[in-house]
Amino acid sequence: MYKFTVLTDPDTAVGFRMAGVETREAGNAEEARRLLPGLLQEEDAGIIAVSEEFMQGLDERLMTRIERSSRPIVIPIPGRSRQGGGMAYIERLLRRAIGHNIVLRR
């Protein structure tokens, strides 16, 4: 069975842990950039949710690797700032996975 893991800041990690989710903490985007490749290589990784702020700090090579991978699926967790392209990224993932364009509305 595949697992769901969250990579986020220490403050947000507390809530995910309270919900029983496996959580990895990173103090900043640089630390998250170092942790994510290891999470991607775990045999039982199914979904990795990453703080949106951390996703924005990933280099192009790592983002390309994530987008080409069929498993694990990496999804952004919307941050407090609500900037960034979280919904657009999820729409691209859905289009790649099912072959149809799905528009997500709030």
PDB file of N, CA and C in Angstrom:
ATOM      1  N   MET A   1       0.842  -1.170   0.000  1.00  0.00           N
ATOM      2  CA  MET A   1       0.000   0.000   0.000  1.00  0.00           C
ATOM      3  C   MET A   1       0.889   1.235   0.000  1.00  0.00           C
ATOM      4  N   TYR A   2       0.490   2.207  -0.785  1.00  0.00           N
ATOM      5  CA  TYR A   2       1.258   3.432  -0.872  1.00  0.00           C
ATOM      6  C   TYR A   2       0.881   4.384   0.253  1.00  0.00           C
ATOM      7  N   LYS A   3       1.828   5.248   0.601  1.00  0.00           N
ATOM      8  CA  LYS A   3       1.564   6.158   1.714  1.00  0.00           C
ATOM      9  C   LYS A   3       1.460   7.595   1.237  1.00  0.00           C
ATOM     10  N   PHE A   4       0.843   8.397   2.092  1.00  0.00           N
ATOM     11  CA  PHE A   4       0.667   9.822   1.887  1.00  0.00           C
ATOM     12  C   PHE A   4       1.600  10.529   2.853  1.00  0.00           C
ATOM     13  N   THR A   5       2.450  11.405   2.336  1.00  0.00           N
ATOM     14  CA  THR A   5       3.416  12.128   3.153  1.00  0.00           C
ATOM     15  C   THR A   5       3.277  13.617   2.883  1.00  0.00           C
ATOM     16  N   VAL A   6       3.445  14.419   3.928  1.00  0.00           N
ATOM     17  CA  VAL A   6       3.400  15.871   3.796  1.00  0.00           C
ATOM     18  C   VAL A   6       4.773  16.439   4.125  1.00  0.00           C
ATOM     19  N   LEU A   7       5.249  17.339   3.279  1.00  0.00           N
ATOM     20  CA  LEU A   7       6.491  18.073   3.505  1.00  0.00           C
ATOM     21  C   LEU A   7       6.117  19.540   3.664  1.00  0.00           C
ATOM     22  N   THR A   8       6.262  20.055   4.873  1.00  0.00           N
ATOM     23  CA  THR A   8       5.820  21.415   5.152  1.00  0.00           C
ATOM     24  C   THR A   8       6.635  22.041   6.276  1.00  0.00           C
ATOM     25  N   ASP A   9       6.284  23.258   6.622  1.00  0.00           N
ATOM     26  CA  ASP A   9       6.978  23.964   7.694  1.00  0.00           C
ATOM     27  C   ASP A   9       6.552  23.402   9.054  1.00  0.00           C
ATOM     28  N   PRO A  10       7.339  23.640  10.100  1.00  0.00           N
ATOM     29  CA  PRO A  10       7.021  23.076  11.425  1.00  0.00           C
ATOM     30  C   PRO A  10       5.654  23.463  11.973  1.00  0.00           C
ATOM     31  N   ASP A  11       5.207  24.692  11.739  1.00  0.00           N
ATOM     32  CA  ASP A  11       3.907  25.120  12.261  1.00  0.00           C
ATOM     33  C   ASP A  11       2.749  24.354  11.626  1.00  0.00           C
ATOM     34  N   THR A  12       2.810  24.180  10.330  1.00  0.00           N
ATOM     35  CA  THR A  12       1.748  23.462   9.625  1.00  0.00           C
ATOM     36  C   THR A  12       1.824  21.970   9.888  1.00  0.00           C
ATOM     37  N   ALA A  13       3.021  21.456  10.101  1.00  0.00           N
ATOM     38  CA  ALA A  13       3.215  20.022  10.323  1.00  0.00           C
ATOM     39  C   ALA A  13       2.444  19.511  11.531  1.00  0.00           C
ATOM     40  N   VAL A  14       2.315  20.344  12.545  1.00  0.00           N
ATOM     41  CA  VAL A  14       1.613  19.933  13.770  1.00  0.00           C
ATOM     42  C   VAL A  14       0.189  19.483  13.456  1.00  0.00           C
ATOM     43  N   GLY A  15      -0.518  20.260  12.661  1.00  0.00           N
ATOM     44  CA  GLY A  15      -1.903  19.912  12.318  1.00  0.00           C
ATOM     45  C   GLY A  15      -1.999  18.609  11.544  1.00  0.00           C
ATOM     46  N   PHE A  16      -1.096  18.398  10.613  1.00  0.00           N
ATOM     47  CA  PHE A  16      -1.112  17.149   9.848  1.00  0.00           C
ATOM     48  C   PHE A  16      -0.789  15.954  10.747  1.00  0.00           C
ATOM     49  N   ARG A  17       0.149  16.132  11.649  1.00  0.00           N
ATOM     50  CA  ARG A  17       0.478  15.051  12.585  1.00  0.00           C
ATOM     51  C   ARG A  17      -0.720  14.703  13.468  1.00  0.00           C
ATOM     52  N   MET A  18      -1.428  15.739  13.917  1.00  0.00           N
ATOM     53  CA  MET A  18      -2.610  15.493  14.757  1.00  0.00           C
ATOM     54  C   MET A  18      -3.667  14.691  14.002  1.00  0.00           C
ATOM     55  N   ALA A  19      -3.678  14.829  12.675  1.00  0.00           N
ATOM     56  CA  ALA A  19      -4.623  14.077  11.842  1.00  0.00           C
ATOM     57  C   ALA A  19      -4.089  12.695  11.492  1.00  0.00           C
ATOM     58  N   GLY A  20      -2.870  12.365  11.949  1.00  0.00           N
ATOM     59  CA  GLY A  20      -2.310  11.040  11.706  1.00  0.00           C
ATOM     60  C   GLY A  20      -1.539  10.906  10.410  1.00  0.00           C
ATOM     61  N   VAL A  21      -1.200  12.008   9.772  1.00  0.00           N
ATOM     62  CA  VAL A  21      -0.491  11.977   8.498  1.00  0.00           C
ATOM     63  C   VAL A  21       1.016  11.958   8.747  1.00  0.00           C
ATOM     64  N   GLU A  22       1.735  11.131   7.992  1.00  0.00           N
ATOM     65  CA  GLU A  22       3.193  11.128   8.075  1.00  0.00           C
ATOM     66  C   GLU A  22       3.692  12.477   7.571  1.00  0.00           C
ATOM     67  N   THR A  23       4.520  13.130   8.366  1.00  0.00           N
ATOM     68  CA  THR A  23       4.939  14.500   8.065  1.00  0.00           C
ATOM     69  C   THR A  23       6.442  14.649   8.159  1.00  0.00           C
ATOM     70  N   ARG A  24       7.005  15.386   7.223  1.00  0.00           N
ATOM     71  CA  ARG A  24       8.414  15.780   7.262  1.00  0.00           C
ATOM     72  C   ARG A  24       8.446  17.294   7.320  1.00  0.00           C
ATOM     73  N   GLU A  25       9.327  17.813   8.161  1.00  0.00           N
ATOM     74  CA  GLU A  25       9.428  19.257   8.344  1.00  0.00           C
ATOM     75  C   GLU A  25      10.650  19.819   7.640  1.00  0.00           C
ATOM     76  N   ALA A  26      10.480  21.005   7.086  1.00  0.00           N
ATOM     77  CA  ALA A  26      11.587  21.767   6.519  1.00  0.00           C
ATOM     78  C   ALA A  26      11.428  23.204   7.003  1.00  0.00           C
ATOM     79  N   GLY A  27      12.522  23.770   7.446  1.00  0.00           N
ATOM     80  CA  GLY A  27      12.474  25.130   7.954  1.00  0.00           C
ATOM     81  C   GLY A  27      12.403  26.183   6.867  1.00  0.00           C
ATOM     82  N   ASN A  28      12.837  25.815   5.645  1.00  0.00           N
ATOM     83  CA  ASN A  28      12.823  26.763   4.535  1.00  0.00           C
ATOM     84  C   ASN A  28      12.831  25.986   3.216  1.00  0.00           C
ATOM     85  N   ALA A  29      12.746  26.730   2.111  1.00  0.00           N
ATOM     86  CA  ALA A  29      12.686  26.101   0.788  1.00  0.00           C
ATOM     87  C   ALA A  29      13.950  25.317   0.463  1.00  0.00           C
ATOM     88  N   GLU A  30      15.094  25.804   0.904  1.00  0.00           N
ATOM     89  CA  GLU A  30      16.361  25.107   0.634  1.00  0.00           C
ATOM     90  C   GLU A  30      16.376  23.730   1.304  1.00  0.00           C
ATOM     91  N   GLU A  31      15.927  23.679   2.527  1.00  0.00           N
ATOM     92  CA  GLU A  31      15.867  22.403   3.250  1.00  0.00           C
ATOM     93  C   GLU A  31      14.872  21.457   2.580  1.00  0.00           C
ATOM     94  N   ALA A  32      13.740  21.992   2.152  1.00  0.00           N
ATOM     95  CA  ALA A  32      12.745  21.169   1.456  1.00  0.00           C
ATOM     96  C   ALA A  32      13.318  20.619   0.159  1.00  0.00           C
ATOM     97  N   ARG A  33      14.098  21.432  -0.545  1.00  0.00           N
ATOM     98  CA  ARG A  33      14.741  21.010  -1.791  1.00  0.00           C
ATOM     99  C   ARG A  33      15.687  19.842  -1.553  1.00  0.00           C
ATOM    100  N   ARG A  34      16.311  19.801  -0.387  1.00  0.00           N
ATOM    101  CA  ARG A  34      17.221  18.689  -0.058  1.00  0.00           C
ATOM    102  C   ARG A  34      16.442  17.432   0.353  1.00  0.00           C
ATOM    103  N   LEU A  35      15.290  17.605   1.012  1.00  0.00           N
ATOM    104  CA  LEU A  35      14.515  16.460   1.496  1.00  0.00           C
ATOM    105  C   LEU A  35      13.681  15.774   0.409  1.00  0.00           C
ATOM    106  N   LEU A  36      13.166  16.541  -0.521  1.00  0.00           N
ATOM    107  CA  LEU A  36      12.214  16.009  -1.502  1.00  0.00           C
ATOM    108  C   LEU A  36      12.763  14.874  -2.367  1.00  0.00           C
ATOM    109  N   PRO A  37      13.985  14.941  -2.895  1.00  0.00           N
ATOM    110  CA  PRO A  37      14.466  13.813  -3.710  1.00  0.00           C
ATOM    111  C   PRO A  37      14.448  12.478  -2.965  1.00  0.00           C
ATOM    112  N   GLY A  38      14.768  12.488  -1.685  1.00  0.00           N
ATOM    113  CA  GLY A  38      14.711  11.256  -0.906  1.00  0.00           C
ATOM    114  C   GLY A  38      13.296  10.726  -0.775  1.00  0.00           C
ATOM    115  N   LEU A  39      12.335  11.635  -0.588  1.00  0.00           N
ATOM    116  CA  LEU A  39      10.927  11.227  -0.500  1.00  0.00           C
ATOM    117  C   LEU A  39      10.452  10.640  -1.828  1.00  0.00           C
ATOM    118  N   LEU A  40      10.909  11.215  -2.927  1.00  0.00           N
ATOM    119  CA  LEU A  40      10.505  10.730  -4.253  1.00  0.00           C
ATOM    120  C   LEU A  40      11.001   9.313  -4.517  1.00  0.00           C
ATOM    121  N   GLN A  41      12.090   8.917  -3.880  1.00  0.00           N
ATOM    122  CA  GLN A  41      12.676   7.599  -4.129  1.00  0.00           C
ATOM    123  C   GLN A  41      12.164   6.517  -3.192  1.00  0.00           C
ATOM    124  N   GLU A  42      11.354   6.870  -2.210  1.00  0.00           N
ATOM    125  CA  GLU A  42      10.832   5.852  -1.298  1.00  0.00           C
ATOM    126  C   GLU A  42       9.903   4.913  -2.056  1.00  0.00           C
ATOM    127  N   GLU A  43      10.116   3.622  -1.866  1.00  0.00           N
ATOM    128  CA  GLU A  43       9.354   2.590  -2.594  1.00  0.00           C
ATOM    129  C   GLU A  43       7.842   2.697  -2.399  1.00  0.00           C
ATOM    130  N   ASP A  44       7.418   3.055  -1.204  1.00  0.00           N
ATOM    131  CA  ASP A  44       5.989   3.066  -0.903  1.00  0.00           C
ATOM    132  C   ASP A  44       5.354   4.453  -0.981  1.00  0.00           C
ATOM    133  N   ALA A  45       6.050   5.415  -1.568  1.00  0.00           N
ATOM    134  CA  ALA A  45       5.508   6.769  -1.701  1.00  0.00           C
ATOM    135  C   ALA A  45       4.409   6.777  -2.752  1.00  0.00           C
ATOM    136  N   GLY A  46       3.246   7.275  -2.377  1.00  0.00           N
ATOM    137  CA  GLY A  46       2.115   7.366  -3.302  1.00  0.00           C
ATOM    138  C   GLY A  46       1.790   8.806  -3.638  1.00  0.00           C
ATOM    139  N   ILE A  47       1.590   9.608  -2.587  1.00  0.00           N
ATOM    140  CA  ILE A  47       1.301  11.029  -2.747  1.00  0.00           C
ATOM    141  C   ILE A  47       2.182  11.797  -1.774  1.00  0.00           C
ATOM    142  N   ILE A  48       2.804  12.838  -2.276  1.00  0.00           N
ATOM    143  CA  ILE A  48       3.590  13.729  -1.433  1.00  0.00           C
ATOM    144  C   ILE A  48       2.993  15.117  -1.586  1.00  0.00           C
ATOM    145  N   ALA A  49       2.479  15.647  -0.497  1.00  0.00           N
ATOM    146  CA  ALA A  49       1.935  17.003  -0.493  1.00  0.00           C
ATOM    147  C   ALA A  49       3.021  17.928   0.038  1.00  0.00           C
ATOM    148  N   VAL A  50       3.326  18.959  -0.737  1.00  0.00           N
ATOM    149  CA  VAL A  50       4.416  19.869  -0.399  1.00  0.00           C
ATOM    150  C   VAL A  50       3.866  21.278  -0.267  1.00  0.00           C
ATOM    151  N   SER A  51       4.314  21.981   0.741  1.00  0.00           N
ATOM    152  CA  SER A  51       3.920  23.372   0.932  1.00  0.00           C
ATOM    153  C   SER A  51       4.135  24.154  -0.360  1.00  0.00           C
ATOM    154  N   GLU A  52       3.147  24.938  -0.740  1.00  0.00           N
ATOM    155  CA  GLU A  52       3.205  25.701  -1.980  1.00  0.00           C
ATOM    156  C   GLU A  52       4.438  26.604  -2.041  1.00  0.00           C
ATOM    157  N   GLU A  53       4.801  27.194  -0.911  1.00  0.00           N
ATOM    158  CA  GLU A  53       5.988  28.049  -0.872  1.00  0.00           C
ATOM    159  C   GLU A  53       7.245  27.248  -1.205  1.00  0.00           C
ATOM    160  N   PHE A  54       7.303  26.019  -0.729  1.00  0.00           N
ATOM    161  CA  PHE A  54       8.448  25.164  -1.026  1.00  0.00           C
ATOM    162  C   PHE A  54       8.454  24.756  -2.497  1.00  0.00           C
ATOM    163  N   MET A  55       7.280  24.472  -3.049  1.00  0.00           N
ATOM    164  CA  MET A  55       7.186  24.080  -4.463  1.00  0.00           C
ATOM    165  C   MET A  55       7.712  25.192  -5.362  1.00  0.00           C
ATOM    166  N   GLN A  56       7.422  26.429  -5.004  1.00  0.00           N
ATOM    167  CA  GLN A  56       7.859  27.560  -5.817  1.00  0.00           C
ATOM    168  C   GLN A  56       9.381  27.697  -5.800  1.00  0.00           C
ATOM    169  N   GLY A  57      10.030  27.164  -4.771  1.00  0.00           N
ATOM    170  CA  GLY A  57      11.476  27.263  -4.664  1.00  0.00           C
ATOM    171  C   GLY A  57      12.238  26.119  -5.308  1.00  0.00           C
ATOM    172  N   LEU A  58      11.532  25.164  -5.918  1.00  0.00           N
ATOM    173  CA  LEU A  58      12.215  24.027  -6.537  1.00  0.00           C
ATOM    174  C   LEU A  58      12.845  24.420  -7.866  1.00  0.00           C
ATOM    175  N   ASP A  59      13.983  23.840  -8.152  1.00  0.00           N
ATOM    176  CA  ASP A  59      14.640  24.152  -9.421  1.00  0.00           C
ATOM    177  C   ASP A  59      13.926  23.436 -10.565  1.00  0.00           C
ATOM    178  N   GLU A  60      14.201  23.891 -11.765  1.00  0.00           N
ATOM    179  CA  GLU A  60      13.515  23.379 -12.957  1.00  0.00           C
ATOM    180  C   GLU A  60      13.756  21.886 -13.165  1.00  0.00           C
ATOM    181  N   ARG A  61      14.953  21.428 -12.876  1.00  0.00           N
ATOM    182  CA  ARG A  61      15.274  20.007 -13.068  1.00  0.00           C
ATOM    183  C   ARG A  61      14.419  19.112 -12.171  1.00  0.00           C
ATOM    184  N   LEU A  62      14.271  19.517 -10.904  1.00  0.00           N
ATOM    185  CA  LEU A  62      13.465  18.727  -9.974  1.00  0.00           C
ATOM    186  C   LEU A  62      11.988  18.797 -10.350  1.00  0.00           C
ATOM    187  N   MET A  63      11.511  19.972 -10.775  1.00  0.00           N
ATOM    188  CA  MET A  63      10.111  20.092 -11.196  1.00  0.00           C
ATOM    189  C   MET A  63       9.833  19.217 -12.417  1.00  0.00           C
ATOM    190  N   THR A  64      10.762  19.164 -13.348  1.00  0.00           N
ATOM    191  CA  THR A  64      10.592  18.305 -14.522  1.00  0.00           C
ATOM    192  C   THR A  64      10.518  16.843 -14.109  1.00  0.00           C
ATOM    193  N   ARG A  65      11.365  16.451 -13.185  1.00  0.00           N
ATOM    194  CA  ARG A  65      11.349  15.070 -12.675  1.00  0.00           C
ATOM    195  C   ARG A  65      10.000  14.750 -12.037  1.00  0.00           C
ATOM    196  N   ILE A  66       9.474  15.683 -11.248  1.00  0.00           N
ATOM    197  CA  ILE A  66       8.187  15.495 -10.587  1.00  0.00           C
ATOM    198  C   ILE A  66       7.069  15.370 -11.616  1.00  0.00           C
ATOM    199  N   GLU A  67       7.056  16.253 -12.595  1.00  0.00           N
ATOM    200  CA  GLU A  67       5.981  16.260 -13.588  1.00  0.00           C
ATOM    201  C   GLU A  67       6.013  15.041 -14.499  1.00  0.00           C
ATOM    202  N   ARG A  68       7.172  14.441 -14.707  1.00  0.00           N
ATOM    203  CA  ARG A  68       7.281  13.256 -15.571  1.00  0.00           C
ATOM    204  C   ARG A  68       7.027  11.958 -14.817  1.00  0.00           C
ATOM    205  N   SER A  69       7.046  12.018 -13.522  1.00  0.00           N
ATOM    206  CA  SER A  69       6.880  10.821 -12.706  1.00  0.00           C
ATOM    207  C   SER A  69       5.409  10.431 -12.612  1.00  0.00           C
ATOM    208  N   SER A  70       5.142   9.147 -12.733  1.00  0.00           N
ATOM    209  CA  SER A  70       3.762   8.686 -12.557  1.00  0.00           C
ATOM    210  C   SER A  70       3.465   8.377 -11.091  1.00  0.00           C
ATOM    211  N   ARG A  71       4.511   8.095 -10.321  1.00  0.00           N
ATOM    212  CA  ARG A  71       4.359   7.873  -8.886  1.00  0.00           C
ATOM    213  C   ARG A  71       5.682   8.157  -8.219  1.00  0.00           C
ATOM    214  N   PRO A  72       5.684   8.842  -7.148  1.00  0.00           N
ATOM    215  CA  PRO A  72       4.546   9.410  -6.438  1.00  0.00           C
ATOM    216  C   PRO A  72       4.039  10.679  -7.131  1.00  0.00           C
ATOM    217  N   ILE A  73       2.806  10.996  -6.833  1.00  0.00           N
ATOM    218  CA  ILE A  73       2.219  12.249  -7.292  1.00  0.00           C
ATOM    219  C   ILE A  73       2.572  13.297  -6.259  1.00  0.00           C
ATOM    220  N   VAL A  74       3.065  14.435  -6.715  1.00  0.00           N
ATOM    221  CA  VAL A  74       3.422  15.533  -5.819  1.00  0.00           C
ATOM    222  C   VAL A  74       2.405  16.647  -6.019  1.00  0.00           C
ATOM    223  N   ILE A  75       1.746  17.043  -4.934  1.00  0.00           N
ATOM    224  CA  ILE A  75       0.744  18.102  -5.009  1.00  0.00           C
ATOM    225  C   ILE A  75       1.105  19.233  -4.049  1.00  0.00           C
ATOM    226  N   PRO A  76       0.766  20.470  -4.410  1.00  0.00           N
ATOM    227  CA  PRO A  76       1.056  21.587  -3.512  1.00  0.00           C
ATOM    228  C   PRO A  76      -0.020  21.731  -2.439  1.00  0.00           C
ATOM    229  N   ILE A  77       0.393  22.164  -1.273  1.00  0.00           N
ATOM    230  CA  ILE A  77      -0.535  22.527  -0.211  1.00  0.00           C
ATOM    231  C   ILE A  77      -0.613  24.044  -0.240  1.00  0.00           C
ATOM    232  N   PRO A  78      -1.785  24.606  -0.475  1.00  0.00           N
ATOM    233  CA  PRO A  78      -1.892  26.071  -0.513  1.00  0.00           C
ATOM    234  C   PRO A  78      -1.349  26.690   0.772  1.00  0.00           C
ATOM    235  N   GLY A  79      -0.578  27.752   0.593  1.00  0.00           N
ATOM    236  CA  GLY A  79       0.023  28.429   1.729  1.00  0.00           C
ATOM    237  C   GLY A  79      -0.820  29.570   2.242  1.00  0.00           C
ATOM    238  N   ARG A  80      -0.313  30.197   3.252  1.00  0.00           N
ATOM    239  CA  ARG A  80      -1.024  31.333   3.842  1.00  0.00           C
ATOM    240  C   ARG A  80      -1.132  32.490   2.862  1.00  0.00           C
ATOM    241  N   SER A  81      -0.133  32.651   2.007  1.00  0.00           N
ATOM    242  CA  SER A  81      -0.110  33.791   1.090  1.00  0.00           C
ATOM    243  C   SER A  81      -1.084  33.627  -0.077  1.00  0.00           C
ATOM    244  N   ARG A  82      -1.414  32.371  -0.417  1.00  0.00           N
ATOM    245  CA  ARG A  82      -2.322  32.046  -1.524  1.00  0.00           C
ATOM    246  C   ARG A  82      -1.842  32.592  -2.860  1.00  0.00           C
ATOM    247  N   GLN A  83      -0.548  32.822  -3.016  1.00  0.00           N
ATOM    248  CA  GLN A  83       0.007  33.205  -4.309  1.00  0.00           C
ATOM    249  C   GLN A  83       0.384  31.921  -5.018  1.00  0.00           C
ATOM    250  N   GLY A  84       0.931  31.946  -6.124  1.00  0.00           N
ATOM    251  CA  GLY A  84       1.403  30.722  -6.757  1.00  0.00           C
ATOM    252  C   GLY A  84       0.327  30.003  -7.539  1.00  0.00           C
ATOM    253  N   GLY A  85       0.705  28.957  -8.241  1.00  0.00           N
ATOM    254  CA  GLY A  85      -0.194  28.287  -9.167  1.00  0.00           C
ATOM    255  C   GLY A  85      -0.641  26.925  -8.705  1.00  0.00           C
ATOM    256  N   GLY A  86      -1.061  26.786  -7.476  1.00  0.00           N
ATOM    257  CA  GLY A  86      -1.468  25.487  -6.963  1.00  0.00           C
ATOM    258  C   GLY A  86      -2.565  24.830  -7.763  1.00  0.00           C
ATOM    259  N   MET A  87      -3.638  25.562  -8.054  1.00  0.00           N
ATOM    260  CA  MET A  87      -4.759  24.986  -8.797  1.00  0.00           C
ATOM    261  C   MET A  87      -4.339  24.637 -10.226  1.00  0.00           C
ATOM    262  N   ALA A  88      -3.568  25.495 -10.861  1.00  0.00           N
ATOM    263  CA  ALA A  88      -3.107  25.215 -12.226  1.00  0.00           C
ATOM    264  C   ALA A  88      -2.236  23.963 -12.248  1.00  0.00           C
ATOM    265  N   TYR A  89      -1.406  23.797 -11.233  1.00  0.00           N
ATOM    266  CA  TYR A  89      -0.548  22.614 -11.155  1.00  0.00           C
ATOM    267  C   TYR A  89      -1.400  21.350 -11.006  1.00  0.00           C
ATOM    268  N   ILE A  90      -2.389  21.382 -10.146  1.00  0.00           N
ATOM    269  CA  ILE A  90      -3.266  20.226  -9.954  1.00  0.00           C
ATOM    270  C   ILE A  90      -4.028  19.921 -11.247  1.00  0.00           C
ATOM    271  N   GLU A  91      -4.492  20.956 -11.947  1.00  0.00           N
ATOM    272  CA  GLU A  91      -5.175  20.740 -13.221  1.00  0.00           C
ATOM    273  C   GLU A  91      -4.251  20.056 -14.232  1.00  0.00           C
ATOM    274  N   ARG A  92      -2.978  20.473 -14.281  1.00  0.00           N
ATOM    275  CA  ARG A  92      -2.024  19.821 -15.185  1.00  0.00           C
ATOM    276  C   ARG A  92      -1.826  18.356 -14.808  1.00  0.00           C
ATOM    277  N   LEU A  93      -1.742  18.069 -13.506  1.00  0.00           N
ATOM    278  CA  LEU A  93      -1.594  16.681 -13.066  1.00  0.00           C
ATOM    279  C   LEU A  93      -2.793  15.837 -13.497  1.00  0.00           C
ATOM    280  N   LEU A  94      -3.985  16.376 -13.306  1.00  0.00           N
ATOM    281  CA  LEU A  94      -5.198  15.647 -13.694  1.00  0.00           C
ATOM    282  C   LEU A  94      -5.237  15.412 -15.202  1.00  0.00           C
ATOM    283  N   ARG A  95      -4.896  16.437 -15.970  1.00  0.00           N
ATOM    284  CA  ARG A  95      -4.900  16.293 -17.430  1.00  0.00           C
ATOM    285  C   ARG A  95      -3.923  15.204 -17.856  1.00  0.00           C
ATOM    286  N   ARG A  96      -2.737  15.180 -17.232  1.00  0.00           N
ATOM    287  CA  ARG A  96      -1.740  14.161 -17.580  1.00  0.00           C
ATOM    288  C   ARG A  96      -2.218  12.772 -17.158  1.00  0.00           C
ATOM    289  N   ALA A  97      -2.844  12.673 -15.995  1.00  0.00           N
ATOM    290  CA  ALA A  97      -3.248  11.368 -15.463  1.00  0.00           C
ATOM    291  C   ALA A  97      -4.429  10.756 -16.217  1.00  0.00           C
ATOM    292  N   ILE A  98      -5.430  11.589 -16.578  1.00  0.00           N
ATOM    293  CA  ILE A  98      -6.643  11.026 -17.183  1.00  0.00           C
ATOM    294  C   ILE A  98      -6.842  11.397 -18.648  1.00  0.00           C
ATOM    295  N   GLY A  99      -5.983  12.294 -19.157  1.00  0.00           N
ATOM    296  CA  GLY A  99      -6.069  12.639 -20.569  1.00  0.00           C
ATOM    297  C   GLY A  99      -7.143  13.643 -20.917  1.00  0.00           C
ATOM    298  N   HIS A 100      -7.732  14.290 -19.939  1.00  0.00           N
ATOM    299  CA  HIS A 100      -8.764  15.307 -20.171  1.00  0.00           C
ATOM    300  C   HIS A 100      -8.452  16.528 -19.326  1.00  0.00           C
ATOM    301  N   ASN A 101      -8.858  17.672 -19.845  1.00  0.00           N
ATOM    302  CA  ASN A 101      -8.660  18.909 -19.100  1.00  0.00           C
ATOM    303  C   ASN A 101      -9.805  19.085 -18.097  1.00  0.00           C
ATOM    304  N   ILE A 102      -9.471  19.150 -16.826  1.00  0.00           N
ATOM    305  CA  ILE A 102     -10.446  19.361 -15.772  1.00  0.00           C
ATOM    306  C   ILE A 102     -10.196  20.753 -15.201  1.00  0.00           C
ATOM    307  N   VAL A 103     -11.223  21.584 -15.135  1.00  0.00           N
ATOM    308  CA  VAL A 103     -11.077  22.932 -14.580  1.00  0.00           C
ATOM    309  C   VAL A 103     -11.601  22.923 -13.158  1.00  0.00           C
ATOM    310  N   LEU A 104     -10.740  23.311 -12.234  1.00  0.00           N
ATOM    311  CA  LEU A 104     -11.132  23.363 -10.832  1.00  0.00           C
ATOM    312  C   LEU A 104     -11.583  24.774 -10.492  1.00  0.00           C
ATOM    313  N   ARG A 105     -12.722  24.887  -9.856  1.00  0.00           N
ATOM    314  CA  ARG A 105     -13.257  26.197  -9.451  1.00  0.00           C
ATOM    315  C   ARG A 105     -13.391  26.245  -7.944  1.00  0.00           C
ATOM    316  N   ARG A 106     -13.253  27.447  -7.410  1.00  0.00           N
ATOM    317  CA  ARG A 106     -13.404  27.631  -5.954  1.00  0.00           C
ATOM    318  C   ARG A 106     -14.787  28.104  -5.652  1.00  0.00           C
TER     319      ARG A 106
END
